[in-house]
C-alpha atoms as a PDB file:
ATOM      1  CA  MET A   1       0.000   0.000   0.000  1.00  0.00           C
ATOM      2  CA  SER A   2       1.240   3.516  -0.747  1.00  0.00           C
ATOM      3  CA  ALA A   3       2.418   5.519   2.241  1.00  0.00           C
ATOM      4  CA  PRO A   4       0.674   8.735   3.274  1.00  0.00           C
ATOM      5  CA  ALA A   5       2.511  11.829   2.091  1.00  0.00           C
ATOM      6  CA  ALA A   6       1.657  14.016   5.101  1.00  0.00           C
ATOM      7  CA  CYS A   7       2.514  13.819   8.791  1.00  0.00           C
ATOM      8  CA  MET A   8       1.060  15.710  11.756  1.00  0.00           C
ATOM      9  CA  ILE A   9       3.419  16.085  14.731  1.00  0.00           C
ATOM     10  CA  LEU A  10       1.564  16.816  17.962  1.00  0.00           C
ATOM     11  CA  ALA A  11       3.658  19.329  19.911  1.00  0.00           C
ATOM     12  CA  ALA A  12       1.218  21.759  21.540  1.00  0.00           C
ATOM     13  CA  GLY A  13       0.994  20.427  25.102  1.00  0.00           C
ATOM     14  CA  PHE A  14       2.078  22.231  28.262  1.00  0.00           C
ATOM     15  CA  GLY A  15       4.502  19.494  29.312  1.00  0.00           C
ATOM     16  CA  THR A  16       3.378  19.726  32.928  1.00  0.00           C
ATOM     17  CA  ARG A  17       5.009  16.408  33.873  1.00  0.00           C
ATOM     18  CA  MET A  18       8.370  18.016  33.022  1.00  0.00           C
ATOM     19  CA  GLY A  19       8.020  20.512  35.895  1.00  0.00           C
ATOM     20  CA  ASP A  20      10.445  23.445  35.743  1.00  0.00           C
ATOM     21  CA  LEU A  21      11.981  22.191  32.496  1.00  0.00           C
ATOM     22  CA  THR A  22       8.988  23.516  30.564  1.00  0.00           C
ATOM     23  CA  ARG A  23       8.531  26.756  32.481  1.00  0.00           C
ATOM     24  CA  THR A  24      10.566  28.720  29.929  1.00  0.00           C
ATOM     25  CA  ARG A  25      10.627  26.423  26.884  1.00  0.00           C
ATOM     26  CA  PRO A  26       8.158  24.056  25.236  1.00  0.00           C
ATOM     27  CA  LYS A  27       8.692  20.346  25.825  1.00  0.00           C
ATOM     28  CA  PRO A  28       9.538  19.580  22.164  1.00  0.00           C
ATOM     29  CA  LEU A  29      12.629  21.793  22.453  1.00  0.00           C
ATOM     30  CA  ILE A  30      14.065  19.796  25.373  1.00  0.00           C
ATOM     31  CA  GLU A  31      17.205  18.023  24.150  1.00  0.00           C
ATOM     32  CA  VAL A  32      17.808  14.285  24.169  1.00  0.00           C
ATOM     33  CA  ALA A  33      21.242  13.085  23.027  1.00  0.00           C
ATOM     34  CA  GLY A  34      22.093  16.578  21.779  1.00  0.00           C
ATOM     35  CA  ARG A  35      18.971  17.144  19.679  1.00  0.00           C
ATOM     36  CA  PRO A  36      15.603  18.700  20.547  1.00  0.00           C
ATOM     37  CA  LEU A  37      12.767  16.204  20.796  1.00  0.00           C
ATOM     38  CA  ILE A  38      11.025  17.838  17.845  1.00  0.00           C
ATOM     39  CA  ASP A  39      14.058  17.108  15.665  1.00  0.00           C
ATOM     40  CA  HIS A  40      13.897  13.425  16.610  1.00  0.00           C
ATOM     41  CA  ALA A  41      10.237  13.436  15.527  1.00  0.00           C
ATOM     42  CA  LEU A  42      11.018  15.280  12.303  1.00  0.00           C
ATOM     43  CA  ALA A  43      13.668  12.677  11.481  1.00  0.00           C
ATOM     44  CA  GLN A  44      11.063   9.930  11.852  1.00  0.00           C
ATOM     45  CA  ALA A  45       8.626  11.821   9.629  1.00  0.00           C
ATOM     46  CA  ARG A  46      11.155  12.487   6.898  1.00  0.00           C
ATOM     47  CA  GLY A  47      12.616   8.999   7.117  1.00  0.00           C
ATOM     48  CA  GLY A  48       9.125   7.567   6.665  1.00  0.00           C
ATOM     49  CA  GLY A  49       8.614   9.468   3.420  1.00  0.00           C
ATOM     50  CA  ALA A  50       6.435  12.355   4.627  1.00  0.00           C
ATOM     51  CA  ARG A  51       6.772  15.235   2.176  1.00  0.00           C
ATOM     52  CA  ARG A  52       4.412  17.595   3.994  1.00  0.00           C
ATOM     53  CA  ILE A  53       4.869  17.945   7.741  1.00  0.00           C
ATOM     54  CA  VAL A  54       2.683  19.997  10.082  1.00  0.00           C
ATOM     55  CA  VAL A  55       3.669  20.748  13.680  1.00  0.00           C
ATOM     56  CA  ASN A  56       1.222  22.345  16.090  1.00  0.00           C
ATOM     57  CA  GLY A  57       2.058  24.604  19.026  1.00  0.00           C
ATOM     58  CA  HIS A  58       0.405  26.421  21.893  1.00  0.00           C
ATOM     59  CA  HIS A  59       2.641  26.634  24.989  1.00  0.00           C
ATOM     60  CA  LEU A  60       5.496  29.092  24.276  1.00  0.00           C
ATOM     61  CA  ALA A  61       4.569  28.711  20.630  1.00  0.00           C
ATOM     62  CA  ASP A  62       6.827  31.545  19.455  1.00  0.00           C
ATOM     63  CA  GLN A  63       9.874  29.421  20.308  1.00  0.00           C
ATOM     64  CA  MET A  64       8.503  26.514  18.293  1.00  0.00           C
ATOM     65  CA  ALA A  65       7.705  28.749  15.334  1.00  0.00           C
ATOM     66  CA  THR A  66      11.221  30.179  15.374  1.00  0.00           C
ATOM     67  CA  HIS A  67      12.818  26.734  15.526  1.00  0.00           C
ATOM     68  CA  LEU A  68      10.806  25.501  12.536  1.00  0.00           C
ATOM     69  CA  ALA A  69      10.935  28.660  10.430  1.00  0.00           C
ATOM     70  CA  ALA A  70      13.903  27.643   8.282  1.00  0.00           C
ATOM     71  CA  MET A  71      12.479  24.207   7.399  1.00  0.00           C
ATOM     72  CA  PRO A  72      10.734  24.400   4.002  1.00  0.00           C
ATOM     73  CA  ASP A  73       8.959  21.058   4.381  1.00  0.00           C
ATOM     74  CA  VAL A  74       7.330  22.026   7.708  1.00  0.00           C
ATOM     75  CA  ARG A  75       4.200  24.092   8.348  1.00  0.00           C
ATOM     76  CA  PHE A  76       3.318  25.430  11.796  1.00  0.00           C
ATOM     77  CA  SER A  77      -0.247  25.252  13.119  1.00  0.00           C
ATOM     78  CA  LEU A  78      -0.693  27.823  15.908  1.00  0.00           C
ATOM     79  CA  GLU A  79      -3.351  26.910  18.480  1.00  0.00           C
ATOM     80  CA  GLN A  80      -4.670  30.109  20.005  1.00  0.00           C
ATOM     81  CA  PRO A  81      -6.424  31.249  22.120  1.00  0.00           C
ATOM     82  CA  GLU A  82      -7.119  27.756  23.525  1.00  0.00           C
ATOM     83  CA  ILE A  83      -5.286  24.463  23.271  1.00  0.00           C
ATOM     84  CA  LEU A  84      -7.346  21.970  21.273  1.00  0.00           C
ATOM     85  CA  ASP A  85      -6.288  18.542  22.631  1.00  0.00           C
ATOM     86  CA  SER A  86      -5.027  15.773  20.353  1.00  0.00           C
ATOM     87  CA  ALA A  87      -7.878  15.320  17.873  1.00  0.00           C
ATOM     88  CA  GLY A  88      -8.888  18.967  17.981  1.00  0.00           C
ATOM     89  CA  GLY A  89      -5.350  19.979  17.110  1.00  0.00           C
ATOM     90  CA  ILE A  90      -5.240  17.624  14.153  1.00  0.00           C
ATOM     91  CA  ARG A  91      -8.626  18.829  12.931  1.00  0.00           C
ATOM     92  CA  ALA A  92      -7.454  22.460  13.062  1.00  0.00           C
ATOM     93  CA  ALA A  93      -4.377  21.538  10.995  1.00  0.00           C
ATOM     94  CA  ARG A  94      -6.235  19.703   8.229  1.00  0.00           C
ATOM     95  CA  PRO A  95      -6.047  22.638   5.773  1.00  0.00           C
ATOM     96  CA  LEU A  96      -2.247  22.509   6.116  1.00  0.00           C
ATOM     97  CA  LEU A  97      -2.045  18.721   5.894  1.00  0.00           C
ATOM     98  CA  GLN A  98      -4.009  18.630   2.629  1.00  0.00           C
ATOM     99  CA  ALA A  99      -4.481  14.860   2.897  1.00  0.00           C
ATOM    100  CA  ASP A 100      -7.334  12.391   3.263  1.00  0.00           C
ATOM    101  CA  THR A 101      -5.029   9.961   5.093  1.00  0.00           C
ATOM    102  CA  PHE A 102      -1.946  10.939   7.064  1.00  0.00           C
ATOM    103  CA  PHE A 103       0.529   9.930   9.736  1.00  0.00           C
ATOM    104  CA  SER A 104       0.425  11.498  13.181  1.00  0.00           C
ATOM    105  CA  LEU A 105       3.304  11.392  15.619  1.00  0.00           C
ATOM    106  CA  ASN A 106       3.761  12.589  19.181  1.00  0.00           C
ATOM    107  CA  ALA A 107       6.740  14.866  19.733  1.00  0.00           C
ATOM    108  CA  ASP A 108       7.798  13.519  23.146  1.00  0.00           C
ATOM    109  CA  ALA A 109       9.416  10.206  22.222  1.00  0.00           C
ATOM    110  CA  VAL A 110      12.569   8.751  20.699  1.00  0.00           C
ATOM    111  CA  TRP A 111      13.092   5.457  18.930  1.00  0.00           C
ATOM    112  CA  THR A 112      15.562   2.759  17.982  1.00  0.00           C
ATOM    113  CA  GLY A 113      15.130   0.206  15.232  1.00  0.00           C
ATOM    114  CA  PRO A 114      13.329   0.620  11.891  1.00  0.00           C
ATOM    115  CA  ASN A 115      11.623   3.886  11.032  1.00  0.00           C
ATOM    116  CA  ALA A 116       8.273   4.143  12.811  1.00  0.00           C
ATOM    117  CA  LEU A 117       6.315   5.552   9.896  1.00  0.00           C
ATOM    118  CA  ALA A 118       7.781   3.086   7.403  1.00  0.00           C
ATOM    119  CA  GLN A 119       6.570   0.206   9.575  1.00  0.00           C
ATOM    120  CA  LEU A 120       3.083   1.706   9.661  1.00  0.00           C
ATOM    121  CA  ALA A 121       3.036   2.202   5.899  1.00  0.00           C
ATOM    122  CA  ALA A 122       4.044  -1.418   5.297  1.00  0.00           C
ATOM    123  CA  ALA A 123       1.142  -2.688   7.434  1.00  0.00           C
ATOM    124  CA  TRP A 124      -1.520  -0.192   6.299  1.00  0.00           C
ATOM    125  CA  ARG A 125      -4.648  -1.751   4.752  1.00  0.00           C
ATOM    126  CA  PRO A 126      -7.174   1.053   4.084  1.00  0.00           C
ATOM    127  CA  ASP A 127      -9.884  -1.376   2.968  1.00  0.00           C
ATOM    128  CA  SER A 128     -10.089  -2.827   6.489  1.00  0.00           C
ATOM    129  CA  MET A 129      -8.579  -0.072   8.667  1.00  0.00           C
ATOM    130  CA  ASP A 130      -9.463   3.512   9.555  1.00  0.00           C
ATOM    131  CA  VAL A 131      -6.680   3.799  12.153  1.00  0.00           C
ATOM    132  CA  LEU A 132      -3.405   1.898  12.403  1.00  0.00           C
ATOM    133  CA  ALA A 133      -1.369   2.416  15.591  1.00  0.00           C
ATOM    134  CA  LEU A 134       2.254   1.450  16.143  1.00  0.00           C
ATOM    135  CA  MET A 135       2.607  -0.627  19.311  1.00  0.00           C
ATOM    136  CA  VAL A 136       5.464  -1.820  21.491  1.00  0.00           C
ATOM    137  CA  PRO A 137       5.520  -4.382  24.341  1.00  0.00           C
ATOM    138  CA  GLN A 138       5.836  -2.879  27.795  1.00  0.00           C
ATOM    139  CA  SER A 139       9.272  -4.515  28.081  1.00  0.00           C
ATOM    140  CA  ARG A 140      10.525  -2.245  25.268  1.00  0.00           C
ATOM    141  CA  ALA A 141       8.662   0.898  26.360  1.00  0.00           C
ATOM    142  CA  ILE A 142      11.430   2.788  28.137  1.00  0.00           C
ATOM    143  CA  GLY A 143      10.314   5.271  30.773  1.00  0.00           C
ATOM    144  CA  ARG A 144       6.657   4.358  30.470  1.00  0.00           C
ATOM    145  CA  GLN A 145       4.837   5.111  33.724  1.00  0.00           C
ATOM    146  CA  ALA A 146       1.184   4.260  32.993  1.00  0.00           C
ATOM    147  CA  GLY A 147       1.093   0.612  31.942  1.00  0.00           C
ATOM    148  CA  GLY A 148      -0.263  -0.520  28.591  1.00  0.00           C
ATOM    149  CA  ASP A 149      -2.965   0.776  26.263  1.00  0.00           C
ATOM    150  CA  PHE A 150      -4.318  -1.947  23.962  1.00  0.00           C
ATOM    151  CA  THR A 151      -4.476  -5.625  23.160  1.00  0.00           C
ATOM    152  CA  ARG A 152      -4.291  -6.845  19.554  1.00  0.00           C
ATOM    153  CA  ASP A 153      -6.427  -9.771  18.438  1.00  0.00           C
ATOM    154  CA  ALA A 154      -5.384 -12.312  15.786  1.00  0.00           C
ATOM    155  CA  GLN A 155      -6.411  -9.883  13.018  1.00  0.00           C
ATOM    156  CA  GLY A 156      -4.540  -6.991  14.623  1.00  0.00           C
ATOM    157  CA  ARG A 157      -7.662  -5.196  15.840  1.00  0.00           C
ATOM    158  CA  LEU A 158      -7.274  -3.221  19.052  1.00  0.00           C
ATOM    159  CA  THR A 159      -9.242  -3.106  22.297  1.00  0.00           C
ATOM    160  CA  TRP A 160      -8.412  -1.148  25.444  1.00  0.00           C
ATOM    161  CA  ASP A 161      -6.221  -3.048  27.909  1.00  0.00           C
ATOM    162  CA  LYS A 162      -3.966  -1.550  30.600  1.00  0.00           C
ATOM    163  CA  ALA A 163      -2.102  -4.863  30.771  1.00  0.00           C
ATOM    164  CA  GLY A 164      -1.452  -4.872  27.034  1.00  0.00           C
ATOM    165  CA  GLU A 165       0.953  -3.183  24.645  1.00  0.00           C
ATOM    166  CA  VAL A 166       1.877   0.495  24.652  1.00  0.00           C
ATOM    167  CA  TYR A 167       0.794   2.926  21.951  1.00  0.00           C
ATOM    168  CA  THR A 168       3.941   4.709  20.793  1.00  0.00           C
ATOM    169  CA  GLY A 169       2.277   7.900  19.588  1.00  0.00           C
ATOM    170  CA  ALA A 170       2.656   6.988  15.897  1.00  0.00           C
ATOM    171  CA  GLN A 171      -0.375   6.166  13.760  1.00  0.00           C
ATOM    172  CA  ILE A 172      -2.037   6.390  10.357  1.00  0.00           C
ATOM    173  CA  LEU A 173      -5.428   8.066  10.464  1.00  0.00           C
ATOM    174  CA  LYS A 174      -8.166   8.768   7.935  1.00  0.00           C
ATOM    175  CA  ALA A 175      -9.094  12.442   8.072  1.00  0.00           C
ATOM    176  CA  ASP A 176     -12.855  11.963   7.842  1.00  0.00           C
ATOM    177  CA  LEU A 177     -12.808  10.285  11.277  1.00  0.00           C
ATOM    178  CA  LEU A 178     -12.513  13.808  12.701  1.00  0.00           C
ATOM    179  CA  ASP A 179     -15.789  14.958  11.150  1.00  0.00           C
ATOM    180  CA  GLY A 180     -18.970  15.501  13.125  1.00  0.00           C
ATOM    181  CA  TYR A 181     -17.533  16.541  16.478  1.00  0.00           C
ATOM    182  CA  PRO A 182     -18.510  19.860  18.114  1.00  0.00           C
ATOM    183  CA  PRO A 183     -16.128  22.815  17.735  1.00  0.00           C
ATOM    184  CA  GLY A 184     -13.318  23.122  20.251  1.00  0.00           C
ATOM    185  CA  PRO A 185     -10.993  20.674  22.000  1.00  0.00           C
ATOM    186  CA  PHE A 186     -11.510  16.931  21.800  1.00  0.00           C
ATOM    187  CA  SER A 187      -9.386  13.838  22.287  1.00  0.00           C
ATOM    188  CA  LEU A 188      -8.197  11.120  19.951  1.00  0.00           C
ATOM    189  CA  HIS A 189      -9.681   8.669  22.444  1.00  0.00           C
ATOM    190  CA  LYS A 190     -13.140   9.519  21.076  1.00  0.00           C
ATOM    191  CA  VAL A 191     -11.979   8.945  17.510  1.00  0.00           C
ATOM    192  CA  TRP A 192     -10.318   5.657  18.438  1.00  0.00           C
ATOM    193  CA  GLN A 193     -13.378   4.402  20.304  1.00  0.00           C
ATOM    194  CA  ALA A 194     -15.565   5.049  17.263  1.00  0.00           C
ATOM    195  CA  ALA A 195     -13.105   3.179  15.035  1.00  0.00           C
ATOM    196  CA  MET A 196     -12.873   0.306  17.533  1.00  0.00           C
ATOM    197  CA  ASP A 197     -16.654   0.031  17.655  1.00  0.00           C
ATOM    198  CA  ARG A 198     -16.577  -0.600  13.894  1.00  0.00           C
ATOM    199  CA  GLY A 199     -13.681  -3.059  14.178  1.00  0.00           C
ATOM    200  CA  ARG A 200     -11.494  -0.710  12.133  1.00  0.00           C
ATOM    201  CA  MET A 201      -8.757   0.296  14.561  1.00  0.00           C
ATOM    202  CA  ALA A 202      -5.720  -1.932  14.198  1.00  0.00           C
ATOM    203  CA  GLY A 203      -2.222  -2.125  15.618  1.00  0.00           C
ATOM    204  CA  THR A 204       1.130  -3.274  14.296  1.00  0.00           C
ATOM    205  CA  PRO A 205       4.337  -3.887  16.279  1.00  0.00           C
ATOM    206  CA  HIS A 206       7.391  -1.650  16.371  1.00  0.00           C
ATOM    207  CA  ALA A 207      10.523  -3.733  15.904  1.00  0.00           C
ATOM    208  CA  GLY A 208      12.823  -1.643  18.092  1.00  0.00           C
ATOM    209  CA  HIS A 209      12.745   0.195  21.403  1.00  0.00           C
ATOM    210  CA  TRP A 210      10.751   3.331  22.222  1.00  0.00           C
ATOM    211  CA  ALA A 211      11.191   5.864  25.035  1.00  0.00           C
ATOM    212  CA  ASP A 212       8.595   8.132  26.617  1.00  0.00           C
ATOM    213  CA  VAL A 213      10.247  11.504  27.224  1.00  0.00           C
ATOM    214  CA  GLY A 214       7.219  13.098  28.845  1.00  0.00           C
ATOM    215  CA  HIS A 215       8.823  13.317  32.313  1.00  0.00           C
ATOM    216  CA  PRO A 216      12.297  14.406  33.509  1.00  0.00           C
ATOM    217  CA  ALA A 217      13.612  10.904  34.247  1.00  0.00           C
ATOM    218  CA  GLY A 218      12.738   9.918  30.693  1.00  0.00           C
ATOM    219  CA  ILE A 219      15.514  12.106  29.276  1.00  0.00           C
ATOM    220  CA  LEU A 220      18.398  10.091  30.714  1.00  0.00           C
ATOM    221  CA  MET A 221      16.532   6.810  30.167  1.00  0.00           C
ATOM    222  CA  ALA A 222      16.058   7.693  26.497  1.00  0.00           C
ATOM    223  CA  GLU A 223      19.733   8.592  26.114  1.00  0.00           C
ATOM    224  CA  HIS A 224      20.744   5.256  27.626  1.00  0.00           C
ATOM    225  CA  MET A 225      18.332   3.494  25.272  1.00  0.00           C
ATOM    226  CA  LEU A 226      19.829   5.241  22.240  1.00  0.00           C
ATOM    227  CA  ARG A 227      23.307   4.227  23.381  1.00  0.00           C
ATOM    228  CA  ASP A 228      22.521   0.638  24.338  1.00  0.00           C
ATOM    229  CA  HIS A 229      20.059  -0.303  21.588  1.00  0.00           C
ATOM    230  CA  ALA A 230      21.203   1.817  18.645  1.00  0.00           C
ATOM    231  CA  ASP A 231      21.127  -1.116  16.214  1.00  0.00           C
ATOM    232  CA  VAL A 232      18.051  -2.896  17.580  1.00  0.00           C
END
């Protein structure tokens, strides 16, 4: 199946779990292994073949806009006056994405192993899927603090399960799933539940390691992961 050409990187959150680290800078500009988190995400997007990349911002958004300004393949979606949550932020960016199907990627993670978006593209089956999420076992989810998210059945379809695999923040999503919701903020959890109810939310495994860099301890843990599992 052909890969989506557009990628939405979700980078608008306040980063409250980071404490003082995000008081004067947005979380995506925190460095891991010498590079801002947003640059790790951009590398995944570009390495997965995305030719149009949209990054959203709300908290200290001027810093994000400045960082991205010299990147011709990136558009910035400013969320003001209110932050729009995950699905609301994607919906607001749809005119910039210009795609019926696209990748989305959280900005607060780093990876080892094969490119995240390329793995999604290889497993994407639009005739039977409306959402495809990239999953990792809890044993390879570095810095994860909240348990699992989903279980996959024999056909790859997902159901909620805190004892299951972890959603890595990378997915393929059909844009029309965002239609019909009231204006304002809303969460991807609503979109996922609707897709699950139709049996059209699937998962596929990530072959490497993944680190959650949403909290201060995750920075050093992610750097150790990149050092110890660089080729895995």
